[in-house]
PDB file of N, CA and C in Angstrom:
ATOM      1  N   MET A   1      45.708 -53.302 130.121  1.00  0.00           N
ATOM      2  CA  MET A   1      46.485 -52.339 129.379  1.00  0.00           C
ATOM      3  C   MET A   1      46.052 -50.914 129.703  1.00  0.00           C
ATOM      4  N   SER A   2      44.791 -50.698 129.997  1.00  0.00           N
ATOM      5  CA  SER A   2      44.317 -49.334 130.231  1.00  0.00           C
ATOM      6  C   SER A   2      44.995 -48.679 131.430  1.00  0.00           C
ATOM      7  N   TYR A   3      45.482 -49.474 132.355  1.00  0.00           N
ATOM      8  CA  TYR A   3      46.168 -48.906 133.517  1.00  0.00           C
ATOM      9  C   TYR A   3      47.518 -48.307 133.145  1.00  0.00           C
ATOM     10  N   LEU A   4      48.046 -48.623 131.959  1.00  0.00           N
ATOM     11  CA  LEU A   4      49.326 -48.074 131.493  1.00  0.00           C
ATOM     12  C   LEU A   4      49.146 -46.823 130.640  1.00  0.00           C
ATOM     13  N   LYS A   5      47.915 -46.536 130.271  1.00  0.00           N
ATOM     14  CA  LYS A   5      47.622 -45.409 129.387  1.00  0.00           C
ATOM     15  C   LYS A   5      48.126 -44.098 129.977  1.00  0.00           C
ATOM     16  N   GLY A   6      48.877 -43.364 129.171  1.00  0.00           N
ATOM     17  CA  GLY A   6      49.361 -42.056 129.588  1.00  0.00           C
ATOM     18  C   GLY A   6      50.619 -42.087 130.426  1.00  0.00           C
ATOM     19  N   LEU A   7      51.209 -43.260 130.599  1.00  0.00           N
ATOM     20  CA  LEU A   7      52.398 -43.370 131.454  1.00  0.00           C
ATOM     21  C   LEU A   7      53.698 -43.441 130.671  1.00  0.00           C
ATOM     22  N   GLY A   8      53.664 -43.175 129.395  1.00  0.00           N
ATOM     23  CA  GLY A   8      54.880 -43.287 128.605  1.00  0.00           C
ATOM     24  C   GLY A   8      54.942 -42.296 127.474  1.00  0.00           C
ATOM     25  N   THR A   9      55.817 -42.606 126.517  1.00  0.00           N
ATOM     26  CA  THR A   9      56.023 -41.724 125.358  1.00  0.00           C
ATOM     27  C   THR A   9      55.862 -42.462 124.040  1.00  0.00           C
ATOM     28  N   ASN A  10      55.406 -43.707 124.080  1.00  0.00           N
ATOM     29  CA  ASN A  10      55.260 -44.514 122.870  1.00  0.00           C
ATOM     30  C   ASN A  10      53.792 -44.578 122.453  1.00  0.00           C
ATOM     31  N   PRO A  11      53.514 -44.307 121.182  1.00  0.00           N
ATOM     32  CA  PRO A  11      52.123 -44.302 120.732  1.00  0.00           C
ATOM     33  C   PRO A  11      51.501 -45.691 120.756  1.00  0.00           C
ATOM     34  N   TYR A  12      50.232 -45.738 121.105  1.00  0.00           N
ATOM     35  CA  TYR A  12      49.447 -46.964 121.078  1.00  0.00           C
ATOM     36  C   TYR A  12      48.149 -46.629 120.357  1.00  0.00           C
ATOM     37  N   ILE A  13      47.974 -47.176 119.164  1.00  0.00           N
ATOM     38  CA  ILE A  13      46.820 -46.848 118.330  1.00  0.00           C
ATOM     39  C   ILE A  13      45.701 -47.847 118.611  1.00  0.00           C
ATOM     40  N   ARG A  14      44.512 -47.308 118.837  1.00  0.00           N
ATOM     41  CA  ARG A  14      43.340 -48.137 119.116  1.00  0.00           C
ATOM     42  C   ARG A  14      42.279 -47.927 118.050  1.00  0.00           C
ATOM     43  N   VAL A  15      41.286 -48.780 118.041  1.00  0.00           N
ATOM     44  CA  VAL A  15      40.193 -48.671 117.067  1.00  0.00           C
ATOM     45  C   VAL A  15      39.564 -47.284 117.112  1.00  0.00           C
ATOM     46  N   LYS A  16      39.349 -46.755 118.298  1.00  0.00           N
ATOM     47  CA  LYS A  16      38.689 -45.445 118.403  1.00  0.00           C
ATOM     48  C   LYS A  16      39.549 -44.310 117.865  1.00  0.00           C
ATOM     49  N   ASP A  17      40.842 -44.562 117.605  1.00  0.00           N
ATOM     50  CA  ASP A  17      41.735 -43.541 117.058  1.00  0.00           C
ATOM     51  C   ASP A  17      41.623 -43.420 115.539  1.00  0.00           C
ATOM     52  N   ILE A  18      40.953 -44.352 114.892  1.00  0.00           N
ATOM     53  CA  ILE A  18      40.807 -44.326 113.436  1.00  0.00           C
ATOM     54  C   ILE A  18      39.502 -43.602 113.115  1.00  0.00           C
ATOM     55  N   VAL A  19      39.655 -42.332 112.679  1.00  0.00           N
ATOM     56  CA  VAL A  19      38.508 -41.447 112.486  1.00  0.00           C
ATOM     57  C   VAL A  19      38.704 -40.620 111.213  1.00  0.00           C
ATOM     58  N   ASN A  20      37.681 -40.560 110.367  1.00  0.00           N
ATOM     59  CA  ASN A  20      37.687 -39.697 109.175  1.00  0.00           C
ATOM     60  C   ASN A  20      38.928 -39.883 108.305  1.00  0.00           C
ATOM     61  N   LEU A  21      39.271 -41.116 108.038  1.00  0.00           N
ATOM     62  CA  LEU A  21      40.421 -41.476 107.201  1.00  0.00           C
ATOM     63  C   LEU A  21      41.772 -41.083 107.806  1.00  0.00           C
ATOM     64  N   GLU A  22      41.806 -40.760 109.066  1.00  0.00           N
ATOM     65  CA  GLU A  22      43.051 -40.405 109.742  1.00  0.00           C
ATOM     66  C   GLU A  22      43.205 -41.218 111.015  1.00  0.00           C
ATOM     67  N   ILE A  23      44.404 -41.186 111.545  1.00  0.00           N
ATOM     68  CA  ILE A  23      44.652 -41.776 112.850  1.00  0.00           C
ATOM     69  C   ILE A  23      44.781 -40.621 113.824  1.00  0.00           C
ATOM     70  N   ALA A  24      43.779 -40.444 114.648  1.00  0.00           N
ATOM     71  CA  ALA A  24      43.707 -39.318 115.579  1.00  0.00           C
ATOM     72  C   ALA A  24      44.343 -39.732 116.905  1.00  0.00           C
ATOM     73  N   HIS A  25      45.646 -39.766 116.933  1.00  0.00           N
ATOM     74  CA  HIS A  25      46.373 -40.217 118.128  1.00  0.00           C
ATOM     75  C   HIS A  25      46.365 -39.156 119.219  1.00  0.00           C
ATOM     76  N   ASN A  26      46.116 -39.588 120.420  1.00  0.00           N
ATOM     77  CA  ASN A  26      46.127 -38.706 121.581  1.00  0.00           C
ATOM     78  C   ASN A  26      47.355 -39.031 122.422  1.00  0.00           C
ATOM     79  N   ARG A  27      48.228 -38.061 122.647  1.00  0.00           N
ATOM     80  CA  ARG A  27      49.461 -38.294 123.413  1.00  0.00           C
ATOM     81  C   ARG A  27      49.176 -38.752 124.845  1.00  0.00           C
ATOM     82  N   LEU A  28      47.989 -38.490 125.348  1.00  0.00           N
ATOM     83  CA  LEU A  28      47.640 -38.935 126.695  1.00  0.00           C
ATOM     84  C   LEU A  28      47.428 -40.448 126.775  1.00  0.00           C
ATOM     85  N   ASP A  29      47.403 -41.108 125.627  1.00  0.00           N
ATOM     86  CA  ASP A  29      47.221 -42.552 125.580  1.00  0.00           C
ATOM     87  C   ASP A  29      48.531 -43.309 125.359  1.00  0.00           C
ATOM     88  N   ASP A  30      49.655 -42.605 125.371  1.00  0.00           N
ATOM     89  CA  ASP A  30      50.950 -43.252 125.142  1.00  0.00           C
ATOM     90  C   ASP A  30      51.275 -44.252 126.245  1.00  0.00           C
ATOM     91  N   ILE A  31      52.060 -45.271 125.894  1.00  0.00           N
ATOM     92  CA  ILE A  31      52.384 -46.344 126.831  1.00  0.00           C
ATOM     93  C   ILE A  31      53.877 -46.336 127.169  1.00  0.00           C
ATOM     94  N   PRO A  32      54.263 -46.931 128.299  1.00  0.00           N
ATOM     95  CA  PRO A  32      55.666 -46.957 128.721  1.00  0.00           C
ATOM     96  C   PRO A  32      56.535 -47.856 127.831  1.00  0.00           C
ATOM     97  N   ASP A  33      57.841 -47.646 127.902  1.00  0.00           N
ATOM     98  CA  ASP A  33      58.800 -48.386 127.091  1.00  0.00           C
ATOM     99  C   ASP A  33      58.666 -49.897 127.257  1.00  0.00           C
ATOM    100  N   LYS A  34      58.530 -50.365 128.472  1.00  0.00           N
ATOM    101  CA  LYS A  34      58.481 -51.810 128.719  1.00  0.00           C
ATOM    102  C   LYS A  34      57.289 -52.458 128.004  1.00  0.00           C
ATOM    103  N   GLU A  35      56.140 -51.813 128.052  1.00  0.00           N
ATOM    104  CA  GLU A  35      54.954 -52.355 127.375  1.00  0.00           C
ATOM    105  C   GLU A  35      55.107 -52.239 125.860  1.00  0.00           C
ATOM    106  N   TYR A  36      55.692 -51.157 125.396  1.00  0.00           N
ATOM    107  CA  TYR A  36      55.946 -50.973 123.962  1.00  0.00           C
ATOM    108  C   TYR A  36      56.850 -52.087 123.441  1.00  0.00           C
ATOM    109  N   GLU A  37      57.914 -52.383 124.152  1.00  0.00           N
ATOM    110  CA  GLU A  37      58.837 -53.441 123.742  1.00  0.00           C
ATOM    111  C   GLU A  37      58.146 -54.803 123.727  1.00  0.00           C
ATOM    112  N   ARG A  38      57.227 -55.025 124.652  1.00  0.00           N
ATOM    113  CA  ARG A  38      56.490 -56.284 124.689  1.00  0.00           C
ATOM    114  C   ARG A  38      55.580 -56.433 123.456  1.00  0.00           C
ATOM    115  N   LEU A  39      54.975 -55.334 123.019  1.00  0.00           N
ATOM    116  CA  LEU A  39      54.036 -55.375 121.901  1.00  0.00           C
ATOM    117  C   LEU A  39      54.682 -55.198 120.530  1.00  0.00           C
ATOM    118  N   TYR A  40      55.864 -54.606 120.493  1.00  0.00           N
ATOM    119  CA  TYR A  40      56.513 -54.220 119.230  1.00  0.00           C
ATOM    120  C   TYR A  40      56.980 -55.418 118.414  1.00  0.00           C
ATOM    121  N   SER A  41      56.824 -55.306 117.109  1.00  0.00           N
ATOM    122  CA  SER A  41      57.475 -56.215 116.168  1.00  0.00           C
ATOM    123  C   SER A  41      57.712 -55.416 114.884  1.00  0.00           C
ATOM    124  N   PRO A  42      58.807 -55.691 114.178  1.00  0.00           N
ATOM    125  CA  PRO A  42      59.108 -54.931 112.956  1.00  0.00           C
ATOM    126  C   PRO A  42      57.984 -55.005 111.913  1.00  0.00           C
ATOM    127  N   GLU A  43      57.246 -56.110 111.881  1.00  0.00           N
ATOM    128  CA  GLU A  43      56.165 -56.261 110.907  1.00  0.00           C
ATOM    129  C   GLU A  43      55.004 -55.310 111.181  1.00  0.00           C
ATOM    130  N   LYS A  44      54.884 -54.814 112.411  1.00  0.00           N
ATOM    131  CA  LYS A  44      53.773 -53.939 112.786  1.00  0.00           C
ATOM    132  C   LYS A  44      54.135 -52.460 112.767  1.00  0.00           C
ATOM    133  N   THR A  45      55.359 -52.128 112.414  1.00  0.00           N
ATOM    134  CA  THR A  45      55.791 -50.739 112.430  1.00  0.00           C
ATOM    135  C   THR A  45      55.056 -49.936 111.353  1.00  0.00           C
ATOM    136  N   LEU A  46      54.389 -48.869 111.764  1.00  0.00           N
ATOM    137  CA  LEU A  46      53.677 -48.004 110.827  1.00  0.00           C
ATOM    138  C   LEU A  46      54.599 -46.902 110.334  1.00  0.00           C
ATOM    139  N   LYS A  47      54.415 -46.536 109.072  1.00  0.00           N
ATOM    140  CA  LYS A  47      55.161 -45.415 108.511  1.00  0.00           C
ATOM    141  C   LYS A  47      54.205 -44.520 107.732  1.00  0.00           C
ATOM    142  N   GLU A  48      54.676 -43.354 107.380  1.00  0.00           N
ATOM    143  CA  GLU A  48      53.840 -42.390 106.677  1.00  0.00           C
ATOM    144  C   GLU A  48      53.207 -43.016 105.436  1.00  0.00           C
ATOM    145  N   LYS A  49      51.945 -42.725 105.229  1.00  0.00           N
ATOM    146  CA  LYS A  49      51.112 -43.174 104.108  1.00  0.00           C
ATOM    147  C   LYS A  49      50.651 -44.629 104.227  1.00  0.00           C
ATOM    148  N   ASP A  50      50.901 -45.278 105.354  1.00  0.00           N
ATOM    149  CA  ASP A  50      50.338 -46.612 105.571  1.00  0.00           C
ATOM    150  C   ASP A  50      48.831 -46.493 105.751  1.00  0.00           C
ATOM    151  N   ILE A  51      48.120 -47.510 105.313  1.00  0.00           N
ATOM    152  CA  ILE A  51      46.674 -47.575 105.468  1.00  0.00           C
ATOM    153  C   ILE A  51      46.360 -48.616 106.534  1.00  0.00           C
ATOM    154  N   VAL A  52      45.546 -48.238 107.503  1.00  0.00           N
ATOM    155  CA  VAL A  52      45.125 -49.165 108.550  1.00  0.00           C
ATOM    156  C   VAL A  52      43.604 -49.294 108.489  1.00  0.00           C
ATOM    157  N   PHE A  53      43.106 -50.442 108.895  1.00  0.00           N
ATOM    158  CA  PHE A  53      41.660 -50.635 108.909  1.00  0.00           C
ATOM    159  C   PHE A  53      41.268 -51.449 110.130  1.00  0.00           C
ATOM    160  N   VAL A  54      40.022 -51.274 110.518  1.00  0.00           N
ATOM    161  CA  VAL A  54      39.483 -51.982 111.669  1.00  0.00           C
ATOM    162  C   VAL A  54      38.946 -53.328 111.173  1.00  0.00           C
ATOM    163  N   ARG A  55      39.467 -54.402 111.728  1.00  0.00           N
ATOM    164  CA  ARG A  55      39.001 -55.724 111.314  1.00  0.00           C
ATOM    165  C   ARG A  55      38.266 -56.464 112.424  1.00  0.00           C
ATOM    166  N   ARG A  56      38.291 -55.917 113.642  1.00  0.00           N
ATOM    167  CA  ARG A  56      37.586 -56.540 114.764  1.00  0.00           C
ATOM    168  C   ARG A  56      36.836 -55.471 115.540  1.00  0.00           C
ATOM    169  N   GLY A  57      35.810 -55.881 116.215  1.00  0.00           N
ATOM    170  CA  GLY A  57      35.044 -54.935 117.008  1.00  0.00           C
ATOM    171  C   GLY A  57      33.569 -55.067 116.706  1.00  0.00           C
ATOM    172  N   SER A  58      32.856 -53.984 116.911  1.00  0.00           N
ATOM    173  CA  SER A  58      31.420 -54.055 116.655  1.00  0.00           C
ATOM    174  C   SER A  58      31.050 -53.148 115.492  1.00  0.00           C
ATOM    175  N   TYR A  59      30.736 -51.912 115.761  1.00  0.00           N
ATOM    176  CA  TYR A  59      30.207 -51.028 114.720  1.00  0.00           C
ATOM    177  C   TYR A  59      31.276 -50.365 113.863  1.00  0.00           C
ATOM    178  N   ARG A  60      32.563 -50.509 114.170  1.00  0.00           N
ATOM    179  CA  ARG A  60      33.604 -49.805 113.419  1.00  0.00           C
ATOM    180  C   ARG A  60      34.342 -50.694 112.437  1.00  0.00           C
ATOM    181  N   ILE A  61      33.930 -51.917 112.272  1.00  0.00           N
ATOM    182  CA  ILE A  61      34.598 -52.820 111.338  1.00  0.00           C
ATOM    183  C   ILE A  61      34.570 -52.205 109.946  1.00  0.00           C
ATOM    184  N   GLY A  62      35.720 -52.171 109.297  1.00  0.00           N
ATOM    185  CA  GLY A  62      35.829 -51.611 107.959  1.00  0.00           C
ATOM    186  C   GLY A  62      36.265 -50.162 107.919  1.00  0.00           C
ATOM    187  N   ASP A  63      36.274 -49.460 109.048  1.00  0.00           N
ATOM    188  CA  ASP A  63      36.767 -48.079 109.053  1.00  0.00           C
ATOM    189  C   ASP A  63      38.239 -48.067 108.641  1.00  0.00           C
ATOM    190  N   VAL A  64      38.635 -47.024 107.938  1.00  0.00           N
ATOM    191  CA  VAL A  64      39.977 -46.932 107.373  1.00  0.00           C
ATOM    192  C   VAL A  64      40.644 -45.641 107.818  1.00  0.00           C
ATOM    193  N   GLY A  65      41.958 -45.702 108.032  1.00  0.00           N
ATOM    194  CA  GLY A  65      42.744 -44.514 108.346  1.00  0.00           C
ATOM    195  C   GLY A  65      44.052 -44.550 107.584  1.00  0.00           C
ATOM    196  N   ILE A  66      44.558 -43.390 107.238  1.00  0.00           N
ATOM    197  CA  ILE A  66      45.851 -43.265 106.567  1.00  0.00           C
ATOM    198  C   ILE A  66      46.764 -42.490 107.491  1.00  0.00           C
ATOM    199  N   LEU A  67      47.960 -42.990 107.684  1.00  0.00           N
ATOM    200  CA  LEU A  67      48.904 -42.342 108.585  1.00  0.00           C
ATOM    201  C   LEU A  67      49.602 -41.196 107.857  1.00  0.00           C
ATOM    202  N   TYR A  68      49.237 -39.979 108.224  1.00  0.00           N
ATOM    203  CA  TYR A  68      49.837 -38.782 107.648  1.00  0.00           C
ATOM    204  C   TYR A  68      50.831 -38.188 108.624  1.00  0.00           C
ATOM    205  N   LYS A  69      51.843 -37.548 108.101  1.00  0.00           N
ATOM    206  CA  LYS A  69      52.773 -36.818 108.948  1.00  0.00           C
ATOM    207  C   LYS A  69      52.072 -35.547 109.406  1.00  0.00           C
ATOM    208  N   LYS A  70      52.022 -35.352 110.709  1.00  0.00           N
ATOM    209  CA  LYS A  70      51.376 -34.153 111.256  1.00  0.00           C
ATOM    210  C   LYS A  70      52.345 -32.982 111.186  1.00  0.00           C
ATOM    211  N   ILE A  71      51.841 -31.865 110.748  1.00  0.00           N
ATOM    212  CA  ILE A  71      52.650 -30.648 110.685  1.00  0.00           C
ATOM    213  C   ILE A  71      52.136 -29.699 111.754  1.00  0.00           C
ATOM    214  N   TYR A  72      53.017 -29.311 112.640  1.00  0.00           N
ATOM    215  CA  TYR A  72      52.651 -28.408 113.729  1.00  0.00           C
ATOM    216  C   TYR A  72      52.792 -26.973 113.242  1.00  0.00           C
ATOM    217  N   ILE A  73      51.709 -26.221 113.339  1.00  0.00           N
ATOM    218  CA  ILE A  73      51.714 -24.813 112.939  1.00  0.00           C
ATOM    219  C   ILE A  73      51.448 -23.976 114.187  1.00  0.00           C
ATOM    220  N   PRO A  74      52.475 -23.305 114.715  1.00  0.00           N
ATOM    221  CA  PRO A  74      52.262 -22.478 115.918  1.00  0.00           C
ATOM    222  C   PRO A  74      51.429 -21.243 115.580  1.00  0.00           C
ATOM    223  N   PHE A  75      50.570 -20.864 116.502  1.00  0.00           N
ATOM    224  CA  PHE A  75      49.733 -19.677 116.299  1.00  0.00           C
ATOM    225  C   PHE A  75      50.352 -18.486 116.967  1.00  0.00           C
TER     226      PHE A  75
END
């Protein structure tokens, strides 16, 4: 999957993206449409104020993030 990173416009959230109660998504990690369609299911669709947690891995098990709507403030 890492070879597809940054080749699309669809977000792919990973364990390392769950930081300080937020989901710190990096647009450089987006995946292409074909891979998104392969992974997508309506049951997994995230929406604003959803809570996600890490249930697998090593030291990050139990970390929590809340999906907030990002507001862009131009400087």
